[in-house]
Amino acid sequence: MNEYKTLYVTANKLFDKLIYAKADGTYLKELTKIEKMDLLILDDFGLKPFEAKSRSMLLDIIDDRHSKKSTIIASQLPVSQWHDIIGDPTIADAIMDRLVNGSYRISLKGESMRKFLKNDD
């Protein structure tokens, strides 16, 4: 049986966690945990513009995983807007270069499936 270590997290929660990790000295340990995951699923990417700390952390994560492990980024924003939402042009170029080259892009269209889900509590 194949078992893959997967981390699913929203972008905002991940960066909040990493900001706290920087403050308490566990940042490198957290990065190592993320790097070891076979698959990182980063959801709700770009819901708000990236602050300087978050940009730097995203580059660390993407750079550590590039060409080694799989990463899925889910976003309501088209990829053409990611550069602007990341912010700093130099860091955005580095992140986008690693994300776009060698990746697969799947664009979904249609209504949100959430409206079809029924809560039977």
PDB file of N, CA and C in Angstrom:
ATOM      1  N   MET A   1       0.844  -1.176   0.000  1.00  0.00           N
ATOM      2  CA  MET A   1       0.000   0.000   0.000  1.00  0.00           C
ATOM      3  C   MET A   1       0.893   1.246   0.000  1.00  0.00           C
ATOM      4  N   ASN A   2       0.576   2.197  -0.881  1.00  0.00           N
ATOM      5  CA  ASN A   2       1.294   3.466  -0.930  1.00  0.00           C
ATOM      6  C   ASN A   2       0.638   4.465   0.004  1.00  0.00           C
ATOM      7  N   GLU A   3       1.442   5.058   0.822  1.00  0.00           N
ATOM      8  CA  GLU A   3       0.939   6.098   1.708  1.00  0.00           C
ATOM      9  C   GLU A   3       1.711   7.368   1.421  1.00  0.00           C
ATOM     10  N   TYR A   4       0.971   8.442   1.212  1.00  0.00           N
ATOM     11  CA  TYR A   4       1.581   9.719   0.912  1.00  0.00           C
ATOM     12  C   TYR A   4       1.252  10.705   2.023  1.00  0.00           C
ATOM     13  N   LYS A   5       2.271  11.361   2.532  1.00  0.00           N
ATOM     14  CA  LYS A   5       2.072  12.390   3.550  1.00  0.00           C
ATOM     15  C   LYS A   5       1.577  13.652   2.851  1.00  0.00           C
ATOM     16  N   THR A   6       0.417  14.139   3.302  1.00  0.00           N
ATOM     17  CA  THR A   6      -0.214  15.290   2.674  1.00  0.00           C
ATOM     18  C   THR A   6      -0.557  16.337   3.717  1.00  0.00           C
ATOM     19  N   LEU A   7      -0.338  17.592   3.362  1.00  0.00           N
ATOM     20  CA  LEU A   7      -0.753  18.711   4.200  1.00  0.00           C
ATOM     21  C   LEU A   7      -1.714  19.559   3.384  1.00  0.00           C
ATOM     22  N   TYR A   8      -2.932  19.710   3.892  1.00  0.00           N
ATOM     23  CA  TYR A   8      -3.922  20.602   3.283  1.00  0.00           C
ATOM     24  C   TYR A   8      -4.097  21.776   4.229  1.00  0.00           C
ATOM     25  N   VAL A   9      -3.929  22.991   3.715  1.00  0.00           N
ATOM     26  CA  VAL A   9      -4.048  24.175   4.564  1.00  0.00           C
ATOM     27  C   VAL A   9      -4.395  25.376   3.692  1.00  0.00           C
ATOM     28  N   THR A  10      -5.136  26.334   4.266  1.00  0.00           N
ATOM     29  CA  THR A  10      -5.371  27.572   3.534  1.00  0.00           C
ATOM     30  C   THR A  10      -4.108  28.428   3.633  1.00  0.00           C
ATOM     31  N   ALA A  11      -3.896  29.234   2.618  1.00  0.00           N
ATOM     32  CA  ALA A  11      -2.702  30.078   2.576  1.00  0.00           C
ATOM     33  C   ALA A  11      -2.625  30.974   3.801  1.00  0.00           C
ATOM     34  N   ASN A  12      -3.720  31.635   4.144  1.00  0.00           N
ATOM     35  CA  ASN A  12      -3.694  32.559   5.281  1.00  0.00           C
ATOM     36  C   ASN A  12      -3.337  31.849   6.585  1.00  0.00           C
ATOM     37  N   LYS A  13      -3.910  30.674   6.822  1.00  0.00           N
ATOM     38  CA  LYS A  13      -3.604  29.940   8.052  1.00  0.00           C
ATOM     39  C   LYS A  13      -2.146  29.485   8.087  1.00  0.00           C
ATOM     40  N   LEU A  14      -1.642  29.039   6.931  1.00  0.00           N
ATOM     41  CA  LEU A  14      -0.255  28.599   6.884  1.00  0.00           C
ATOM     42  C   LEU A  14       0.694  29.742   7.211  1.00  0.00           C
ATOM     43  N   PHE A  15       0.478  30.903   6.604  1.00  0.00           N
ATOM     44  CA  PHE A  15       1.378  32.016   6.851  1.00  0.00           C
ATOM     45  C   PHE A  15       1.241  32.564   8.263  1.00  0.00           C
ATOM     46  N   ASP A  16       0.031  32.550   8.820  1.00  0.00           N
ATOM     47  CA  ASP A  16      -0.130  32.939  10.231  1.00  0.00           C
ATOM     48  C   ASP A  16       0.671  32.004  11.132  1.00  0.00           C
ATOM     49  N   LYS A  17       0.575  30.704  10.858  1.00  0.00           N
ATOM     50  CA  LYS A  17       1.314  29.717  11.659  1.00  0.00           C
ATOM     51  C   LYS A  17       2.819  29.939  11.541  1.00  0.00           C
ATOM     52  N   LEU A  18       3.283  30.217  10.330  1.00  0.00           N
ATOM     53  CA  LEU A  18       4.718  30.408  10.128  1.00  0.00           C
ATOM     54  C   LEU A  18       5.222  31.714  10.750  1.00  0.00           C
ATOM     55  N   ILE A  19       4.392  32.738  10.779  1.00  0.00           N
ATOM     56  CA  ILE A  19       4.776  33.986  11.441  1.00  0.00           C
ATOM     57  C   ILE A  19       4.974  33.734  12.934  1.00  0.00           C
ATOM     58  N   TYR A  20       4.070  32.958  13.543  1.00  0.00           N
ATOM     59  CA  TYR A  20       4.241  32.601  14.961  1.00  0.00           C
ATOM     60  C   TYR A  20       5.485  31.740  15.159  1.00  0.00           C
ATOM     61  N   ALA A  21       5.750  30.846  14.208  1.00  0.00           N
ATOM     62  CA  ALA A  21       6.930  29.984  14.300  1.00  0.00           C
ATOM     63  C   ALA A  21       8.209  30.812  14.242  1.00  0.00           C
ATOM     64  N   LYS A  22       8.223  31.870  13.439  1.00  0.00           N
ATOM     65  CA  LYS A  22       9.396  32.751  13.405  1.00  0.00           C
ATOM     66  C   LYS A  22       9.595  33.415  14.755  1.00  0.00           C
ATOM     67  N   ALA A  23       8.485  33.820  15.372  1.00  0.00           N
ATOM     68  CA  ALA A  23       8.562  34.505  16.665  1.00  0.00           C
ATOM     69  C   ALA A  23       9.059  33.592  17.778  1.00  0.00           C
ATOM     70  N   ASP A  24       8.673  32.300  17.726  1.00  0.00           N
ATOM     71  CA  ASP A  24       9.082  31.400  18.823  1.00  0.00           C
ATOM     72  C   ASP A  24      10.301  30.537  18.482  1.00  0.00           C
ATOM     73  N   GLY A  25      10.898  30.791  17.318  1.00  0.00           N
ATOM     74  CA  GLY A  25      12.135  30.102  16.979  1.00  0.00           C
ATOM     75  C   GLY A  25      11.981  28.730  16.338  1.00  0.00           C
ATOM     76  N   THR A  26      10.765  28.367  15.917  1.00  0.00           N
ATOM     77  CA  THR A  26      10.547  27.039  15.321  1.00  0.00           C
ATOM     78  C   THR A  26      10.325  27.094  13.815  1.00  0.00           C
ATOM     79  N   TYR A  27      10.650  28.223  13.199  1.00  0.00           N
ATOM     80  CA  TYR A  27      10.388  28.417  11.772  1.00  0.00           C
ATOM     81  C   TYR A  27      11.061  27.351  10.900  1.00  0.00           C
ATOM     82  N   LEU A  28      12.339  27.116  11.102  1.00  0.00           N
ATOM     83  CA  LEU A  28      13.047  26.126  10.276  1.00  0.00           C
ATOM     84  C   LEU A  28      12.486  24.722  10.473  1.00  0.00           C
ATOM     85  N   LYS A  29      12.065  24.423  11.691  1.00  0.00           N
ATOM     86  CA  LYS A  29      11.444  23.127  11.968  1.00  0.00           C
ATOM     87  C   LYS A  29      10.125  22.988  11.199  1.00  0.00           C
ATOM     88  N   GLU A  30       9.332  24.041  11.162  1.00  0.00           N
ATOM     89  CA  GLU A  30       8.060  24.026  10.426  1.00  0.00           C
ATOM     90  C   GLU A  30       8.311  23.899   8.924  1.00  0.00           C
ATOM     91  N   LEU A  31       9.310  24.622   8.414  1.00  0.00           N
ATOM     92  CA  LEU A  31       9.644  24.505   6.993  1.00  0.00           C
ATOM     93  C   LEU A  31      10.064  23.088   6.635  1.00  0.00           C
ATOM     94  N   THR A  32      10.822  22.468   7.503  1.00  0.00           N
ATOM     95  CA  THR A  32      11.264  21.094   7.267  1.00  0.00           C
ATOM     96  C   THR A  32      10.075  20.148   7.215  1.00  0.00           C
ATOM     97  N   LYS A  33       9.096  20.334   8.109  1.00  0.00           N
ATOM     98  CA  LYS A  33       7.879  19.510   8.085  1.00  0.00           C
ATOM     99  C   LYS A  33       7.153  19.656   6.749  1.00  0.00           C
ATOM    100  N   ILE A  34       7.026  20.890   6.283  1.00  0.00           N
ATOM    101  CA  ILE A  34       6.339  21.148   5.018  1.00  0.00           C
ATOM    102  C   ILE A  34       7.115  20.534   3.860  1.00  0.00           C
ATOM    103  N   GLU A  35       8.422  20.679   3.897  1.00  0.00           N
ATOM    104  CA  GLU A  35       9.272  20.150   2.825  1.00  0.00           C
ATOM    105  C   GLU A  35       9.168  18.628   2.715  1.00  0.00           C
ATOM    106  N   LYS A  36       8.972  17.943   3.837  1.00  0.00           N
ATOM    107  CA  LYS A  36       8.913  16.485   3.852  1.00  0.00           C
ATOM    108  C   LYS A  36       7.574  15.921   3.363  1.00  0.00           C
ATOM    109  N   MET A  37       6.553  16.768   3.299  1.00  0.00           N
ATOM    110  CA  MET A  37       5.250  16.304   2.830  1.00  0.00           C
ATOM    111  C   MET A  37       5.345  15.903   1.358  1.00  0.00           C
ATOM    112  N   ASP A  38       4.759  14.759   1.019  1.00  0.00           N
ATOM    113  CA  ASP A  38       4.741  14.338  -0.381  1.00  0.00           C
ATOM    114  C   ASP A  38       3.892  15.287  -1.216  1.00  0.00           C
ATOM    115  N   LEU A  39       2.827  15.798  -0.595  1.00  0.00           N
ATOM    116  CA  LEU A  39       1.916  16.711  -1.287  1.00  0.00           C
ATOM    117  C   LEU A  39       1.516  17.833  -0.344  1.00  0.00           C
ATOM    118  N   LEU A  40       1.664  19.059  -0.814  1.00  0.00           N
ATOM    119  CA  LEU A  40       1.178  20.231  -0.102  1.00  0.00           C
ATOM    120  C   LEU A  40       0.024  20.797  -0.924  1.00  0.00           C
ATOM    121  N   ILE A  41      -1.138  20.933  -0.295  1.00  0.00           N
ATOM    122  CA  ILE A  41      -2.287  21.556  -0.942  1.00  0.00           C
ATOM    123  C   ILE A  41      -2.514  22.896  -0.255  1.00  0.00           C
ATOM    124  N   LEU A  42      -2.279  23.954  -0.998  1.00  0.00           N
ATOM    125  CA  LEU A  42      -2.405  25.312  -0.480  1.00  0.00           C
ATOM    126  C   LEU A  42      -3.676  25.909  -1.077  1.00  0.00           C
ATOM    127  N   ASP A  43      -4.699  26.055  -0.254  1.00  0.00           N
ATOM    128  CA  ASP A  43      -6.016  26.495  -0.714  1.00  0.00           C
ATOM    129  C   ASP A  43      -6.205  27.987  -0.468  1.00  0.00           C
ATOM    130  N   ASP A  44      -7.157  28.557  -1.173  1.00  0.00           N
ATOM    131  CA  ASP A  44      -7.519  29.972  -1.038  1.00  0.00           C
ATOM    132  C   ASP A  44      -6.320  30.896  -1.229  1.00  0.00           C
ATOM    133  N   PHE A  45      -5.479  30.542  -2.183  1.00  0.00           N
ATOM    134  CA  PHE A  45      -4.285  31.323  -2.481  1.00  0.00           C
ATOM    135  C   PHE A  45      -4.682  32.692  -3.020  1.00  0.00           C
ATOM    136  N   GLY A  46      -4.120  33.743  -2.438  1.00  0.00           N
ATOM    137  CA  GLY A  46      -4.328  35.093  -2.944  1.00  0.00           C
ATOM    138  C   GLY A  46      -5.615  35.766  -2.545  1.00  0.00           C
ATOM    139  N   LEU A  47      -6.272  35.277  -1.494  1.00  0.00           N
ATOM    140  CA  LEU A  47      -7.499  35.956  -1.059  1.00  0.00           C
ATOM    141  C   LEU A  47      -7.216  37.366  -0.576  1.00  0.00           C
ATOM    142  N   LYS A  48      -5.998  37.573  -0.078  1.00  0.00           N
ATOM    143  CA  LYS A  48      -5.576  38.924   0.290  1.00  0.00           C
ATOM    144  C   LYS A  48      -4.129  39.094  -0.174  1.00  0.00           C
ATOM    145  N   PRO A  49      -3.733  40.336  -0.453  1.00  0.00           N
ATOM    146  CA  PRO A  49      -2.357  40.569  -0.904  1.00  0.00           C
ATOM    147  C   PRO A  49      -1.345  40.069   0.141  1.00  0.00           C
ATOM    148  N   PHE A  50      -0.218  39.603  -0.341  1.00  0.00           N
ATOM    149  CA  PHE A  50       0.814  39.073   0.537  1.00  0.00           C
ATOM    150  C   PHE A  50       1.590  40.206   1.203  1.00  0.00           C
ATOM    151  N   GLU A  51       1.830  40.048   2.493  1.00  0.00           N
ATOM    152  CA  GLU A  51       2.715  40.962   3.207  1.00  0.00           C
ATOM    153  C   GLU A  51       4.147  40.503   2.952  1.00  0.00           C
ATOM    154  N   ALA A  52       5.110  41.351   3.280  1.00  0.00           N
ATOM    155  CA  ALA A  52       6.523  41.040   3.018  1.00  0.00           C
ATOM    156  C   ALA A  52       6.940  39.710   3.645  1.00  0.00           C
ATOM    157  N   LYS A  53       6.532  39.460   4.884  1.00  0.00           N
ATOM    158  CA  LYS A  53       6.907  38.205   5.559  1.00  0.00           C
ATOM    159  C   LYS A  53       6.320  36.998   4.833  1.00  0.00           C
ATOM    160  N   SER A  54       5.069  37.101   4.440  1.00  0.00           N
ATOM    161  CA  SER A  54       4.399  35.992   3.761  1.00  0.00           C
ATOM    162  C   SER A  54       5.026  35.708   2.401  1.00  0.00           C
ATOM    163  N   ARG A  55       5.398  36.760   1.678  1.00  0.00           N
ATOM    164  CA  ARG A  55       6.082  36.586   0.380  1.00  0.00           C
ATOM    165  C   ARG A  55       7.362  35.788   0.551  1.00  0.00           C
ATOM    166  N   SER A  56       8.142  36.188   1.535  1.00  0.00           N
ATOM    167  CA  SER A  56       9.416  35.521   1.803  1.00  0.00           C
ATOM    168  C   SER A  56       9.200  34.063   2.198  1.00  0.00           C
ATOM    169  N   MET A  57       8.189  33.805   3.015  1.00  0.00           N
ATOM    170  CA  MET A  57       7.883  32.446   3.448  1.00  0.00           C
ATOM    171  C   MET A  57       7.409  31.588   2.275  1.00  0.00           C
ATOM    172  N   LEU A  58       6.584  32.172   1.412  1.00  0.00           N
ATOM    173  CA  LEU A  58       6.115  31.439   0.233  1.00  0.00           C
ATOM    174  C   LEU A  58       7.296  31.055  -0.652  1.00  0.00           C
ATOM    175  N   LEU A  59       8.230  31.969  -0.841  1.00  0.00           N
ATOM    176  CA  LEU A  59       9.413  31.657  -1.636  1.00  0.00           C
ATOM    177  C   LEU A  59      10.219  30.532  -0.989  1.00  0.00           C
ATOM    178  N   ASP A  60      10.379  30.577   0.327  1.00  0.00           N
ATOM    179  CA  ASP A  60      11.088  29.497   1.033  1.00  0.00           C
ATOM    180  C   ASP A  60      10.413  28.146   0.773  1.00  0.00           C
ATOM    181  N   ILE A  61       9.099  28.113   0.901  1.00  0.00           N
ATOM    182  CA  ILE A  61       8.348  26.857   0.736  1.00  0.00           C
ATOM    183  C   ILE A  61       8.461  26.343  -0.697  1.00  0.00           C
ATOM    184  N   ILE A  62       8.192  27.216  -1.651  1.00  0.00           N
ATOM    185  CA  ILE A  62       8.202  26.810  -3.058  1.00  0.00           C
ATOM    186  C   ILE A  62       9.612  26.404  -3.480  1.00  0.00           C
ATOM    187  N   ASP A  63      10.611  27.139  -3.025  1.00  0.00           N
ATOM    188  CA  ASP A  63      11.989  26.813  -3.375  1.00  0.00           C
ATOM    189  C   ASP A  63      12.404  25.461  -2.798  1.00  0.00           C
ATOM    190  N   ASP A  64      12.017  25.175  -1.554  1.00  0.00           N
ATOM    191  CA  ASP A  64      12.350  23.885  -0.918  1.00  0.00           C
ATOM    192  C   ASP A  64      11.689  22.712  -1.643  1.00  0.00           C
ATOM    193  N   ARG A  65      10.492  22.911  -2.165  1.00  0.00           N
ATOM    194  CA  ARG A  65       9.718  21.820  -2.760  1.00  0.00           C
ATOM    195  C   ARG A  65       9.943  21.683  -4.266  1.00  0.00           C
ATOM    196  N   HIS A  66      10.441  22.711  -4.905  1.00  0.00           N
ATOM    197  CA  HIS A  66      10.573  22.753  -6.365  1.00  0.00           C
ATOM    198  C   HIS A  66      11.361  21.558  -6.902  1.00  0.00           C
ATOM    199  N   SER A  67      10.749  20.847  -7.831  1.00  0.00           N
ATOM    200  CA  SER A  67      11.334  19.669  -8.503  1.00  0.00           C
ATOM    201  C   SER A  67      11.575  18.487  -7.574  1.00  0.00           C
ATOM    202  N   LYS A  68      11.040  18.539  -6.345  1.00  0.00           N
ATOM    203  CA  LYS A  68      11.230  17.437  -5.404  1.00  0.00           C
ATOM    204  C   LYS A  68       9.905  16.830  -4.948  1.00  0.00           C
ATOM    205  N   LYS A  69       8.956  17.673  -4.632  1.00  0.00           N
ATOM    206  CA  LYS A  69       7.674  17.238  -4.077  1.00  0.00           C
ATOM    207  C   LYS A  69       6.543  17.938  -4.816  1.00  0.00           C
ATOM    208  N   SER A  70       5.340  17.402  -4.686  1.00  0.00           N
ATOM    209  CA  SER A  70       4.179  17.956  -5.389  1.00  0.00           C
ATOM    210  C   SER A  70       3.470  19.012  -4.553  1.00  0.00           C
ATOM    211  N   THR A  71       2.995  20.032  -5.250  1.00  0.00           N
ATOM    212  CA  THR A  71       2.264  21.121  -4.614  1.00  0.00           C
ATOM    213  C   THR A  71       1.058  21.451  -5.473  1.00  0.00           C
ATOM    214  N   ILE A  72      -0.094  21.553  -4.833  1.00  0.00           N
ATOM    215  CA  ILE A  72      -1.311  21.993  -5.508  1.00  0.00           C
ATOM    216  C   ILE A  72      -1.692  23.336  -4.904  1.00  0.00           C
ATOM    217  N   ILE A  73      -1.921  24.304  -5.772  1.00  0.00           N
ATOM    218  CA  ILE A  73      -2.369  25.612  -5.308  1.00  0.00           C
ATOM    219  C   ILE A  73      -3.747  25.848  -5.893  1.00  0.00           C
ATOM    220  N   ALA A  74      -4.706  26.087  -5.016  1.00  0.00           N
ATOM    221  CA  ALA A  74      -6.083  26.358  -5.428  1.00  0.00           C
ATOM    222  C   ALA A  74      -6.385  27.829  -5.154  1.00  0.00           C
ATOM    223  N   SER A  75      -6.985  28.486  -6.149  1.00  0.00           N
ATOM    224  CA  SER A  75      -7.236  29.918  -6.022  1.00  0.00           C
ATOM    225  C   SER A  75      -8.472  30.308  -6.818  1.00  0.00           C
ATOM    226  N   GLN A  76      -9.158  31.316  -6.335  1.00  0.00           N
ATOM    227  CA  GLN A  76     -10.266  31.903  -7.081  1.00  0.00           C
ATOM    228  C   GLN A  76      -9.737  32.874  -8.133  1.00  0.00           C
ATOM    229  N   LEU A  77      -8.472  33.283  -7.987  1.00  0.00           N
ATOM    230  CA  LEU A  77      -7.868  34.245  -8.899  1.00  0.00           C
ATOM    231  C   LEU A  77      -7.212  33.546 -10.082  1.00  0.00           C
ATOM    232  N   PRO A  78      -7.315  34.138 -11.254  1.00  0.00           N
ATOM    233  CA  PRO A  78      -6.578  33.569 -12.383  1.00  0.00           C
ATOM    234  C   PRO A  78      -5.074  33.743 -12.167  1.00  0.00           C
ATOM    235  N   VAL A  79      -4.296  32.827 -12.706  1.00  0.00           N
ATOM    236  CA  VAL A  79      -2.842  32.850 -12.544  1.00  0.00           C
ATOM    237  C   VAL A  79      -2.269  34.190 -13.023  1.00  0.00           C
ATOM    238  N   SER A  80      -2.896  34.798 -14.003  1.00  0.00           N
ATOM    239  CA  SER A  80      -2.412  36.079 -14.523  1.00  0.00           C
ATOM    240  C   SER A  80      -2.403  37.184 -13.467  1.00  0.00           C
ATOM    241  N   GLN A  81      -3.140  37.012 -12.366  1.00  0.00           N
ATOM    242  CA  GLN A  81      -3.183  38.018 -11.295  1.00  0.00           C
ATOM    243  C   GLN A  81      -2.273  37.669 -10.118  1.00  0.00           C
ATOM    244  N   TRP A  82      -1.688  36.488 -10.118  1.00  0.00           N
ATOM    245  CA  TRP A  82      -0.874  36.064  -8.979  1.00  0.00           C
ATOM    246  C   TRP A  82       0.338  36.956  -8.769  1.00  0.00           C
ATOM    247  N   HIS A  83       0.969  37.372  -9.844  1.00  0.00           N
ATOM    248  CA  HIS A  83       2.160  38.211  -9.728  1.00  0.00           C
ATOM    249  C   HIS A  83       1.832  39.467  -8.929  1.00  0.00           C
ATOM    250  N   ASP A  84       0.710  40.115  -9.262  1.00  0.00           N
ATOM    251  CA  ASP A  84       0.310  41.340  -8.570  1.00  0.00           C
ATOM    252  C   ASP A  84      -0.053  41.088  -7.114  1.00  0.00           C
ATOM    253  N   ILE A  85      -0.723  39.981  -6.839  1.00  0.00           N
ATOM    254  CA  ILE A  85      -1.160  39.693  -5.472  1.00  0.00           C
ATOM    255  C   ILE A  85       0.025  39.317  -4.576  1.00  0.00           C
ATOM    256  N   ILE A  86       1.064  38.708  -5.167  1.00  0.00           N
ATOM    257  CA  ILE A  86       2.263  38.374  -4.393  1.00  0.00           C
ATOM    258  C   ILE A  86       2.971  39.653  -3.987  1.00  0.00           C
ATOM    259  N   GLY A  87       3.018  40.616  -4.907  1.00  0.00           N
ATOM    260  CA  GLY A  87       3.596  41.912  -4.547  1.00  0.00           C
ATOM    261  C   GLY A  87       4.970  42.143  -5.124  1.00  0.00           C
ATOM    262  N   ASP A  88       5.966  42.259  -4.299  1.00  0.00           N
ATOM    263  CA  ASP A  88       7.337  42.589  -4.711  1.00  0.00           C
ATOM    264  C   ASP A  88       7.710  41.896  -6.016  1.00  0.00           C
ATOM    265  N   PRO A  89       7.995  42.667  -7.072  1.00  0.00           N
ATOM    266  CA  PRO A  89       8.227  42.068  -8.394  1.00  0.00           C
ATOM    267  C   PRO A  89       9.358  41.040  -8.443  1.00  0.00           C
ATOM    268  N   THR A  90      10.428  41.278  -7.733  1.00  0.00           N
ATOM    269  CA  THR A  90      11.565  40.345  -7.773  1.00  0.00           C
ATOM    270  C   THR A  90      11.194  39.008  -7.141  1.00  0.00           C
ATOM    271  N   ILE A  91      10.565  39.065  -5.976  1.00  0.00           N
ATOM    272  CA  ILE A  91      10.157  37.834  -5.288  1.00  0.00           C
ATOM    273  C   ILE A  91       9.032  37.158  -6.071  1.00  0.00           C
ATOM    274  N   ALA A  92       8.100  37.942  -6.585  1.00  0.00           N
ATOM    275  CA  ALA A  92       7.001  37.376  -7.380  1.00  0.00           C
ATOM    276  C   ALA A  92       7.540  36.659  -8.616  1.00  0.00           C
ATOM    277  N   ASP A  93       8.541  37.242  -9.275  1.00  0.00           N
ATOM    278  CA  ASP A  93       9.153  36.587 -10.435  1.00  0.00           C
ATOM    279  C   ASP A  93       9.751  35.239 -10.046  1.00  0.00           C
ATOM    280  N   ALA A  94      10.468  35.208  -8.928  1.00  0.00           N
ATOM    281  CA  ALA A  94      11.102  33.960  -8.476  1.00  0.00           C
ATOM    282  C   ALA A  94      10.061  32.900  -8.142  1.00  0.00           C
ATOM    283  N   ILE A  95       9.007  33.292  -7.442  1.00  0.00           N
ATOM    284  CA  ILE A  95       7.944  32.354  -7.068  1.00  0.00           C
ATOM    285  C   ILE A  95       7.222  31.843  -8.317  1.00  0.00           C
ATOM    286  N   MET A  96       6.829  32.765  -9.180  1.00  0.00           N
ATOM    287  CA  MET A  96       6.075  32.385 -10.377  1.00  0.00           C
ATOM    288  C   MET A  96       6.905  31.512 -11.318  1.00  0.00           C
ATOM    289  N   ASP A  97       8.194  31.791 -11.429  1.00  0.00           N
ATOM    290  CA  ASP A  97       9.065  30.969 -12.263  1.00  0.00           C
ATOM    291  C   ASP A  97       9.061  29.521 -11.785  1.00  0.00           C
ATOM    292  N   ARG A  98       9.139  29.323 -10.482  1.00  0.00           N
ATOM    293  CA  ARG A  98       9.144  27.970  -9.920  1.00  0.00           C
ATOM    294  C   ARG A  98       7.766  27.313 -10.020  1.00  0.00           C
ATOM    295  N   LEU A  99       6.714  28.092  -9.846  1.00  0.00           N
ATOM    296  CA  LEU A  99       5.362  27.535  -9.883  1.00  0.00           C
ATOM    297  C   LEU A  99       4.906  27.185 -11.293  1.00  0.00           C
ATOM    298  N   VAL A 100       5.159  28.053 -12.236  1.00  0.00           N
ATOM    299  CA  VAL A 100       4.595  27.900 -13.568  1.00  0.00           C
ATOM    300  C   VAL A 100       5.363  26.894 -14.421  1.00  0.00           C
ATOM    301  N   ASN A 101       6.666  26.911 -14.343  1.00  0.00           N
ATOM    302  CA  ASN A 101       7.463  26.009 -15.177  1.00  0.00           C
ATOM    303  C   ASN A 101       7.376  24.583 -14.660  1.00  0.00           C
ATOM    304  N   GLY A 102       6.935  23.695 -15.530  1.00  0.00           N
ATOM    305  CA  GLY A 102       6.810  22.286 -15.169  1.00  0.00           C
ATOM    306  C   GLY A 102       5.527  21.957 -14.420  1.00  0.00           C
ATOM    307  N   SER A 103       4.571  22.872 -14.460  1.00  0.00           N
ATOM    308  CA  SER A 103       3.330  22.618 -13.724  1.00  0.00           C
ATOM    309  C   SER A 103       2.184  22.321 -14.689  1.00  0.00           C
ATOM    310  N   TYR A 104       1.107  21.832 -14.119  1.00  0.00           N
ATOM    311  CA  TYR A 104      -0.130  21.599 -14.853  1.00  0.00           C
ATOM    312  C   TYR A 104      -1.155  22.575 -14.310  1.00  0.00           C
ATOM    313  N   ARG A 105      -1.910  23.189 -15.200  1.00  0.00           N
ATOM    314  CA  ARG A 105      -2.933  24.134 -14.775  1.00  0.00           C
ATOM    315  C   ARG A 105      -4.296  23.572 -15.134  1.00  0.00           C
ATOM    316  N   ILE A 106      -5.172  23.547 -14.152  1.00  0.00           N
ATOM    317  CA  ILE A 106      -6.541  23.083 -14.364  1.00  0.00           C
ATOM    318  C   ILE A 106      -7.465  24.239 -14.002  1.00  0.00           C
ATOM    319  N   SER A 107      -8.211  24.714 -14.964  1.00  0.00           N
ATOM    320  CA  SER A 107      -9.163  25.796 -14.731  1.00  0.00           C
ATOM    321  C   SER A 107     -10.563  25.210 -14.702  1.00  0.00           C
ATOM    322  N   LEU A 108     -11.247  25.462 -13.621  1.00  0.00           N
ATOM    323  CA  LEU A 108     -12.613  24.965 -13.474  1.00  0.00           C
ATOM    324  C   LEU A 108     -13.591  26.089 -13.762  1.00  0.00           C
ATOM    325  N   LYS A 109     -14.681  25.736 -14.394  1.00  0.00           N
ATOM    326  CA  LYS A 109     -15.723  26.714 -14.688  1.00  0.00           C
ATOM    327  C   LYS A 109     -17.055  26.168 -14.189  1.00  0.00           C
ATOM    328  N   GLY A 110     -17.979  27.065 -13.990  1.00  0.00           N
ATOM    329  CA  GLY A 110     -19.297  26.642 -13.547  1.00  0.00           C
ATOM    330  C   GLY A 110     -19.577  27.100 -12.131  1.00  0.00           C
ATOM    331  N   GLU A 111     -20.705  26.646 -11.641  1.00  0.00           N
ATOM    332  CA  GLU A 111     -21.133  27.054 -10.312  1.00  0.00           C
ATOM    333  C   GLU A 111     -20.370  26.302  -9.229  1.00  0.00           C
ATOM    334  N   SER A 112     -20.285  26.911  -8.079  1.00  0.00           N
ATOM    335  CA  SER A 112     -19.621  26.300  -6.940  1.00  0.00           C
ATOM    336  C   SER A 112     -20.403  25.064  -6.497  1.00  0.00           C
ATOM    337  N   MET A 113     -19.680  24.004  -6.210  1.00  0.00           N
ATOM    338  CA  MET A 113     -20.323  22.780  -5.715  1.00  0.00           C
ATOM    339  C   MET A 113     -20.855  22.948  -4.295  1.00  0.00           C
ATOM    340  N   ARG A 114     -20.366  23.971  -3.587  1.00  0.00           N
ATOM    341  CA  ARG A 114     -20.823  24.180  -2.208  1.00  0.00           C
ATOM    342  C   ARG A 114     -22.327  24.424  -2.143  1.00  0.00           C
ATOM    343  N   LYS A 115     -22.873  25.052  -3.165  1.00  0.00           N
ATOM    344  CA  LYS A 115     -24.301  25.344  -3.115  1.00  0.00           C
ATOM    345  C   LYS A 115     -25.143  24.089  -3.298  1.00  0.00           C
ATOM    346  N   PHE A 116     -24.522  23.030  -3.815  1.00  0.00           N
ATOM    347  CA  PHE A 116     -25.244  21.767  -4.008  1.00  0.00           C
ATOM    348  C   PHE A 116     -25.104  20.827  -2.813  1.00  0.00           C
ATOM    349  N   LEU A 117     -24.151  21.124  -1.935  1.00  0.00           N
ATOM    350  CA  LEU A 117     -23.947  20.274  -0.768  1.00  0.00           C
ATOM    351  C   LEU A 117     -25.064  20.531   0.222  1.00  0.00           C
ATOM    352  N   LYS A 118     -25.547  19.463   0.786  1.00  0.00           N
ATOM    353  CA  LYS A 118     -26.654  19.573   1.724  1.00  0.00           C
ATOM    354  C   LYS A 118     -26.144  19.197   3.112  1.00  0.00           C
ATOM    355  N   ASN A 119     -26.481  19.983   4.060  1.00  0.00           N
ATOM    356  CA  ASN A 119     -26.099  19.710   5.443  1.00  0.00           C
ATOM    357  C   ASN A 119     -27.260  18.952   6.102  1.00  0.00           C
ATOM    358  N   ASP A 120     -27.066  17.658   6.332  1.00  0.00           N
ATOM    359  CA  ASP A 120     -28.128  16.814   6.890  1.00  0.00           C
ATOM    360  C   ASP A 120     -28.010  16.620   8.394  1.00  0.00           C
ATOM    361  N   ASP A 121     -27.546  17.645   9.101  1.00  0.00           N
ATOM    362  CA  ASP A 121     -27.387  17.506  10.561  1.00  0.00           C
ATOM    363  C   ASP A 121     -28.691  17.323  11.252  1.00  0.00           C
TER     364      ASP A 121
END
